[in-house]
PDB file of N, CA and C in Angstrom:
ATOM      1  N   UNK A   1     -77.144  10.279  12.021  1.00  0.00           N
ATOM      2  CA  UNK A   1     -78.436   9.842  12.202  1.00  0.00           C
ATOM      3  C   UNK A   1     -79.298   9.970  10.961  1.00  0.00           C
ATOM      4  N   UNK A   2     -79.144  11.011  10.148  1.00  0.00           N
ATOM      5  CA  UNK A   2     -79.853  11.245   8.980  1.00  0.00           C
ATOM      6  C   UNK A   2     -79.712  10.175   7.943  1.00  0.00           C
ATOM      7  N   UNK A   3     -78.460   9.576   7.861  1.00  0.00           N
ATOM      8  CA  UNK A   3     -78.170   8.514   6.914  1.00  0.00           C
ATOM      9  C   UNK A   3     -78.992   7.259   7.396  1.00  0.00           C
ATOM     10  N   UNK A   4     -78.962   6.974   8.627  1.00  0.00           N
ATOM     11  CA  UNK A   4     -79.685   5.828   9.161  1.00  0.00           C
ATOM     12  C   UNK A   4     -81.210   5.909   8.897  1.00  0.00           C
ATOM     13  N   UNK A   5     -81.752   7.133   9.047  1.00  0.00           N
ATOM     14  CA  UNK A   5     -83.223   7.296   8.725  1.00  0.00           C
ATOM     15  C   UNK A   5     -83.453   7.074   7.311  1.00  0.00           C
ATOM     16  N   UNK A   6     -82.575   7.560   6.392  1.00  0.00           N
ATOM     17  CA  UNK A   6     -82.716   7.320   4.979  1.00  0.00           C
ATOM     18  C   UNK A   6     -82.655   5.803   4.621  1.00  0.00           C
ATOM     19  N   UNK A   7     -81.663   5.095   5.224  1.00  0.00           N
ATOM     20  CA  UNK A   7     -81.555   3.679   4.868  1.00  0.00           C
ATOM     21  C   UNK A   7     -82.750   2.888   5.462  1.00  0.00           C
ATOM     22  N   UNK A   8     -83.375   3.322   6.551  1.00  0.00           N
ATOM     23  CA  UNK A   8     -84.459   2.600   7.133  1.00  0.00           C
ATOM     24  C   UNK A   8     -85.668   2.756   6.256  1.00  0.00           C
ATOM     25  N   UNK A   9     -85.770   3.688   5.346  1.00  0.00           N
ATOM     26  CA  UNK A   9     -86.899   3.834   4.471  1.00  0.00           C
ATOM     27  C   UNK A   9     -87.012   2.563   3.621  1.00  0.00           C
ATOM     28  N   UNK A  10     -85.948   1.918   3.324  1.00  0.00           N
ATOM     29  CA  UNK A  10     -85.877   0.727   2.410  1.00  0.00           C
ATOM     30  C   UNK A  10     -85.941  -0.610   3.223  1.00  0.00           C
ATOM     31  N   UNK A  11     -86.247  -0.543   4.469  1.00  0.00           N
ATOM     32  CA  UNK A  11     -86.337  -1.764   5.277  1.00  0.00           C
ATOM     33  C   UNK A  11     -87.538  -2.666   4.964  1.00  0.00           C
ATOM     34  N   UNK A  12     -88.507  -2.082   4.266  1.00  0.00           N
ATOM     35  CA  UNK A  12     -89.703  -2.893   3.837  1.00  0.00           C
ATOM     36  C   UNK A  12     -90.856  -2.851   4.769  1.00  0.00           C
ATOM     37  N   UNK A  13     -90.677  -3.062   6.024  1.00  0.00           N
ATOM     38  CA  UNK A  13     -91.764  -3.061   6.959  1.00  0.00           C
ATOM     39  C   UNK A  13     -91.126  -2.883   8.358  1.00  0.00           C
ATOM     40  N   UNK A  14     -92.098  -2.860   9.406  1.00  0.00           N
ATOM     41  CA  UNK A  14     -91.529  -2.670  10.686  1.00  0.00           C
ATOM     42  C   UNK A  14     -90.596  -3.743  11.215  1.00  0.00           C
ATOM     43  N   UNK A  15     -90.913  -5.072  10.809  1.00  0.00           N
ATOM     44  CA  UNK A  15     -90.054  -6.113  11.271  1.00  0.00           C
ATOM     45  C   UNK A  15     -88.713  -5.982  10.575  1.00  0.00           C
ATOM     46  N   UNK A  16     -88.649  -5.558   9.294  1.00  0.00           N
ATOM     47  CA  UNK A  16     -87.354  -5.322   8.573  1.00  0.00           C
ATOM     48  C   UNK A  16     -86.614  -4.245   9.268  1.00  0.00           C
ATOM     49  N   UNK A  17     -87.290  -3.239   9.672  1.00  0.00           N
ATOM     50  CA  UNK A  17     -86.605  -2.154  10.404  1.00  0.00           C
ATOM     51  C   UNK A  17     -85.970  -2.580  11.728  1.00  0.00           C
ATOM     52  N   UNK A  18     -86.703  -3.428  12.470  1.00  0.00           N
ATOM     53  CA  UNK A  18     -86.183  -4.030  13.663  1.00  0.00           C
ATOM     54  C   UNK A  18     -84.964  -4.866  13.477  1.00  0.00           C
ATOM     55  N   UNK A  19     -84.945  -5.624  12.346  1.00  0.00           N
ATOM     56  CA  UNK A  19     -83.800  -6.515  12.023  1.00  0.00           C
ATOM     57  C   UNK A  19     -82.601  -5.640  11.676  1.00  0.00           C
ATOM     58  N   UNK A  20     -82.916  -4.562  10.895  1.00  0.00           N
ATOM     59  CA  UNK A  20     -81.813  -3.577  10.482  1.00  0.00           C
ATOM     60  C   UNK A  20     -81.216  -2.931  11.751  1.00  0.00           C
ATOM     61  N   UNK A  21     -82.049  -2.610  12.700  1.00  0.00           N
ATOM     62  CA  UNK A  21     -81.586  -1.992  13.947  1.00  0.00           C
ATOM     63  C   UNK A  21     -80.645  -2.935  14.719  1.00  0.00           C
ATOM     64  N   UNK A  22     -80.917  -4.222  14.662  1.00  0.00           N
ATOM     65  CA  UNK A  22     -80.131  -5.257  15.380  1.00  0.00           C
ATOM     66  C   UNK A  22     -78.801  -5.328  14.673  1.00  0.00           C
ATOM     67  N   UNK A  23     -78.746  -5.329  13.304  1.00  0.00           N
ATOM     68  CA  UNK A  23     -77.502  -5.397  12.598  1.00  0.00           C
ATOM     69  C   UNK A  23     -76.670  -4.140  12.887  1.00  0.00           C
ATOM     70  N   UNK A  24     -77.328  -2.930  12.973  1.00  0.00           N
ATOM     71  CA  UNK A  24     -76.642  -1.764  13.290  1.00  0.00           C
ATOM     72  C   UNK A  24     -76.016  -1.802  14.677  1.00  0.00           C
ATOM     73  N   UNK A  25     -76.757  -2.428  15.611  1.00  0.00           N
ATOM     74  CA  UNK A  25     -76.258  -2.633  16.990  1.00  0.00           C
ATOM     75  C   UNK A  25     -75.000  -3.469  16.992  1.00  0.00           C
ATOM     76  N   UNK A  26     -75.093  -4.603  16.262  1.00  0.00           N
ATOM     77  CA  UNK A  26     -73.887  -5.493  16.169  1.00  0.00           C
ATOM     78  C   UNK A  26     -72.683  -4.783  15.536  1.00  0.00           C
ATOM     79  N   UNK A  27     -72.918  -3.986  14.547  1.00  0.00           N
ATOM     80  CA  UNK A  27     -71.910  -3.238  13.810  1.00  0.00           C
ATOM     81  C   UNK A  27     -71.257  -2.259  14.842  1.00  0.00           C
ATOM     82  N   UNK A  28     -72.045  -1.605  15.557  1.00  0.00           N
ATOM     83  CA  UNK A  28     -71.529  -0.571  16.592  1.00  0.00           C
ATOM     84  C   UNK A  28     -70.819  -1.291  17.647  1.00  0.00           C
ATOM     85  N   UNK A  29     -71.197  -2.473  18.102  1.00  0.00           N
ATOM     86  CA  UNK A  29     -70.500  -3.242  19.123  1.00  0.00           C
ATOM     87  C   UNK A  29     -69.186  -3.651  18.615  1.00  0.00           C
ATOM     88  N   UNK A  30     -69.135  -4.169  17.360  1.00  0.00           N
ATOM     89  CA  UNK A  30     -67.824  -4.547  16.729  1.00  0.00           C
ATOM     90  C   UNK A  30     -66.931  -3.278  16.663  1.00  0.00           C
ATOM     91  N   UNK A  31     -67.409  -2.187  16.242  1.00  0.00           N
ATOM     92  CA  UNK A  31     -66.583  -1.015  16.127  1.00  0.00           C
ATOM     93  C   UNK A  31     -66.062  -0.580  17.471  1.00  0.00           C
ATOM     94  N   UNK A  32     -66.898  -0.622  18.503  1.00  0.00           N
ATOM     95  CA  UNK A  32     -66.386  -0.247  19.843  1.00  0.00           C
ATOM     96  C   UNK A  32     -65.349  -1.179  20.365  1.00  0.00           C
ATOM     97  N   UNK A  33     -65.379  -2.350  19.949  1.00  0.00           N
ATOM     98  CA  UNK A  33     -64.451  -3.405  20.419  1.00  0.00           C
ATOM     99  C   UNK A  33     -63.212  -3.612  19.446  1.00  0.00           C
ATOM    100  N   UNK A  34     -63.186  -2.805  18.358  1.00  0.00           N
ATOM    101  CA  UNK A  34     -62.044  -2.928  17.476  1.00  0.00           C
ATOM    102  C   UNK A  34     -62.135  -4.214  16.570  1.00  0.00           C
ATOM    103  N   UNK A  35     -63.329  -4.639  16.351  1.00  0.00           N
ATOM    104  CA  UNK A  35     -63.503  -5.906  15.527  1.00  0.00           C
ATOM    105  C   UNK A  35     -63.993  -5.504  14.140  1.00  0.00           C
ATOM    106  N   UNK A  36     -63.503  -6.195  13.146  1.00  0.00           N
ATOM    107  CA  UNK A  36     -63.988  -5.947  11.716  1.00  0.00           C
ATOM    108  C   UNK A  36     -65.406  -6.619  11.635  1.00  0.00           C
ATOM    109  N   UNK A  37     -66.406  -5.869  11.401  1.00  0.00           N
ATOM    110  CA  UNK A  37     -67.789  -6.361  11.365  1.00  0.00           C
ATOM    111  C   UNK A  37     -67.981  -7.455  10.401  1.00  0.00           C
ATOM    112  N   UNK A  38     -67.378  -7.341   9.138  1.00  0.00           N
ATOM    113  CA  UNK A  38     -67.499  -8.350   8.117  1.00  0.00           C
ATOM    114  C   UNK A  38     -66.854  -9.670   8.558  1.00  0.00           C
ATOM    115  N   UNK A  39     -65.659  -9.552   9.158  1.00  0.00           N
ATOM    116  CA  UNK A  39     -65.001 -10.809   9.564  1.00  0.00           C
ATOM    117  C   UNK A  39     -65.767 -11.498  10.660  1.00  0.00           C
ATOM    118  N   UNK A  40     -66.346 -10.673  11.591  1.00  0.00           N
ATOM    119  CA  UNK A  40     -67.171 -11.161  12.625  1.00  0.00           C
ATOM    120  C   UNK A  40     -68.344 -11.961  12.103  1.00  0.00           C
ATOM    121  N   UNK A  41     -69.043 -11.296  11.144  1.00  0.00           N
ATOM    122  CA  UNK A  41     -70.177 -12.025  10.480  1.00  0.00           C
ATOM    123  C   UNK A  41     -69.762 -13.304   9.753  1.00  0.00           C
ATOM    124  N   UNK A  42     -68.630 -13.230   9.092  1.00  0.00           N
ATOM    125  CA  UNK A  42     -68.178 -14.456   8.355  1.00  0.00           C
ATOM    126  C   UNK A  42     -67.820 -15.572   9.381  1.00  0.00           C
ATOM    127  N   UNK A  43     -67.487 -15.252  10.554  1.00  0.00           N
ATOM    128  CA  UNK A  43     -67.123 -16.200  11.641  1.00  0.00           C
ATOM    129  C   UNK A  43     -68.443 -16.766  12.261  1.00  0.00           C
ATOM    130  N   UNK A  44     -69.405 -15.846  12.538  1.00  0.00           N
ATOM    131  CA  UNK A  44     -70.568 -16.192  13.296  1.00  0.00           C
ATOM    132  C   UNK A  44     -71.637 -16.903  12.481  1.00  0.00           C
ATOM    133  N   UNK A  45     -71.942 -16.440  11.313  1.00  0.00           N
ATOM    134  CA  UNK A  45     -73.030 -16.948  10.543  1.00  0.00           C
ATOM    135  C   UNK A  45     -73.009 -18.434  10.331  1.00  0.00           C
ATOM    136  N   UNK A  46     -71.853 -19.066   9.952  1.00  0.00           N
ATOM    137  CA  UNK A  46     -71.789 -20.541   9.807  1.00  0.00           C
ATOM    138  C   UNK A  46     -72.071 -21.230  11.096  1.00  0.00           C
ATOM    139  N   UNK A  47     -71.725 -20.684  12.237  1.00  0.00           N
ATOM    140  CA  UNK A  47     -71.841 -21.283  13.488  1.00  0.00           C
ATOM    141  C   UNK A  47     -73.236 -21.096  14.178  1.00  0.00           C
ATOM    142  N   UNK A  48     -74.064 -20.215  13.574  1.00  0.00           N
ATOM    143  CA  UNK A  48     -75.312 -19.802  14.287  1.00  0.00           C
ATOM    144  C   UNK A  48     -76.263 -20.970  14.416  1.00  0.00           C
ATOM    145  N   UNK A  49     -76.493 -21.742  13.437  1.00  0.00           N
ATOM    146  CA  UNK A  49     -77.475 -22.861  13.527  1.00  0.00           C
ATOM    147  C   UNK A  49     -76.961 -23.971  14.433  1.00  0.00           C
ATOM    148  N   UNK A  50     -75.656 -24.217  14.572  1.00  0.00           N
ATOM    149  CA  UNK A  50     -75.230 -25.345  15.391  1.00  0.00           C
ATOM    150  C   UNK A  50     -74.935 -24.897  16.832  1.00  0.00           C
ATOM    151  N   UNK A  51     -75.021 -23.651  17.206  1.00  0.00           N
ATOM    152  CA  UNK A  51     -74.813 -23.214  18.539  1.00  0.00           C
ATOM    153  C   UNK A  51     -76.070 -23.391  19.380  1.00  0.00           C
ATOM    154  N   UNK A  52     -75.882 -24.095  20.560  1.00  0.00           N
ATOM    155  CA  UNK A  52     -77.100 -24.297  21.421  1.00  0.00           C
ATOM    156  C   UNK A  52     -77.469 -22.952  22.035  1.00  0.00           C
ATOM    157  N   UNK A  53     -78.814 -22.895  22.348  1.00  0.00           N
ATOM    158  CA  UNK A  53     -79.366 -21.576  22.835  1.00  0.00           C
ATOM    159  C   UNK A  53     -78.663 -21.145  24.123  1.00  0.00           C
ATOM    160  N   UNK A  54     -78.239 -22.053  24.952  1.00  0.00           N
ATOM    161  CA  UNK A  54     -77.561 -21.672  26.159  1.00  0.00           C
ATOM    162  C   UNK A  54     -76.165 -21.058  25.969  1.00  0.00           C
ATOM    163  N   UNK A  55     -75.614 -21.210  24.760  1.00  0.00           N
ATOM    164  CA  UNK A  55     -74.279 -20.695  24.481  1.00  0.00           C
ATOM    165  C   UNK A  55     -74.345 -19.594  23.422  1.00  0.00           C
ATOM    166  N   UNK A  56     -75.472 -18.974  23.196  1.00  0.00           N
ATOM    167  CA  UNK A  56     -75.589 -17.997  22.181  1.00  0.00           C
ATOM    168  C   UNK A  56     -74.821 -16.704  22.568  1.00  0.00           C
ATOM    169  N   UNK A  57     -74.569 -16.522  23.819  1.00  0.00           N
ATOM    170  CA  UNK A  57     -73.699 -15.426  24.225  1.00  0.00           C
ATOM    171  C   UNK A  57     -72.231 -15.481  23.765  1.00  0.00           C
ATOM    172  N   UNK A  58     -71.842 -16.652  23.397  1.00  0.00           N
ATOM    173  CA  UNK A  58     -70.465 -16.874  22.882  1.00  0.00           C
ATOM    174  C   UNK A  58     -70.369 -16.211  21.497  1.00  0.00           C
ATOM    175  N   UNK A  59     -71.421 -15.923  20.828  1.00  0.00           N
ATOM    176  CA  UNK A  59     -71.413 -15.354  19.467  1.00  0.00           C
ATOM    177  C   UNK A  59     -71.342 -13.822  19.487  1.00  0.00           C
ATOM    178  N   UNK A  60     -71.612 -13.213  20.602  1.00  0.00           N
ATOM    179  CA  UNK A  60     -71.619 -11.751  20.623  1.00  0.00           C
ATOM    180  C   UNK A  60     -70.188 -11.206  20.513  1.00  0.00           C
ATOM    181  N   UNK A  61     -70.004 -10.118  19.751  1.00  0.00           N
ATOM    182  CA  UNK A  61     -68.695  -9.618  19.479  1.00  0.00           C
ATOM    183  C   UNK A  61     -68.098  -9.077  20.732  1.00  0.00           C
ATOM    184  N   UNK A  62     -66.890  -9.728  21.137  1.00  0.00           N
ATOM    185  CA  UNK A  62     -66.200  -9.331  22.328  1.00  0.00           C
ATOM    186  C   UNK A  62     -64.776  -8.984  22.188  1.00  0.00           C
ATOM    187  N   UNK A  63     -64.297  -8.943  21.005  1.00  0.00           N
ATOM    188  CA  UNK A  63     -62.917  -8.683  20.728  1.00  0.00           C
ATOM    189  C   UNK A  63     -62.001  -9.829  20.332  1.00  0.00           C
ATOM    190  N   UNK A  64     -62.635 -10.953  20.126  1.00  0.00           N
ATOM    191  CA  UNK A  64     -61.828 -12.167  19.784  1.00  0.00           C
ATOM    192  C   UNK A  64     -61.561 -12.283  18.333  1.00  0.00           C
ATOM    193  N   UNK A  65     -62.287 -11.658  17.409  1.00  0.00           N
ATOM    194  CA  UNK A  65     -62.009 -11.690  15.982  1.00  0.00           C
ATOM    195  C   UNK A  65     -61.334 -10.454  15.515  1.00  0.00           C
ATOM    196  N   UNK A  66     -60.148 -10.611  14.896  1.00  0.00           N
ATOM    197  CA  UNK A  66     -59.422  -9.371  14.454  1.00  0.00           C
ATOM    198  C   UNK A  66     -59.301  -9.361  12.964  1.00  0.00           C
TER     199      UNK A  66
END
């Protein structure tokens, strides 16, 4: 927890801190499901703009990227 507090000092502002918390949440979800966070990001980021809002749940890490 101390490392996270230290890293959050450099988030810039409250909105930056919230975005950082979201990324930490995705990283923890990937870790819990045995997914490489970097590979998941490389898979999801290019598809983010083309995914309809109704299908955004398909981008959440669920164990499909190894």
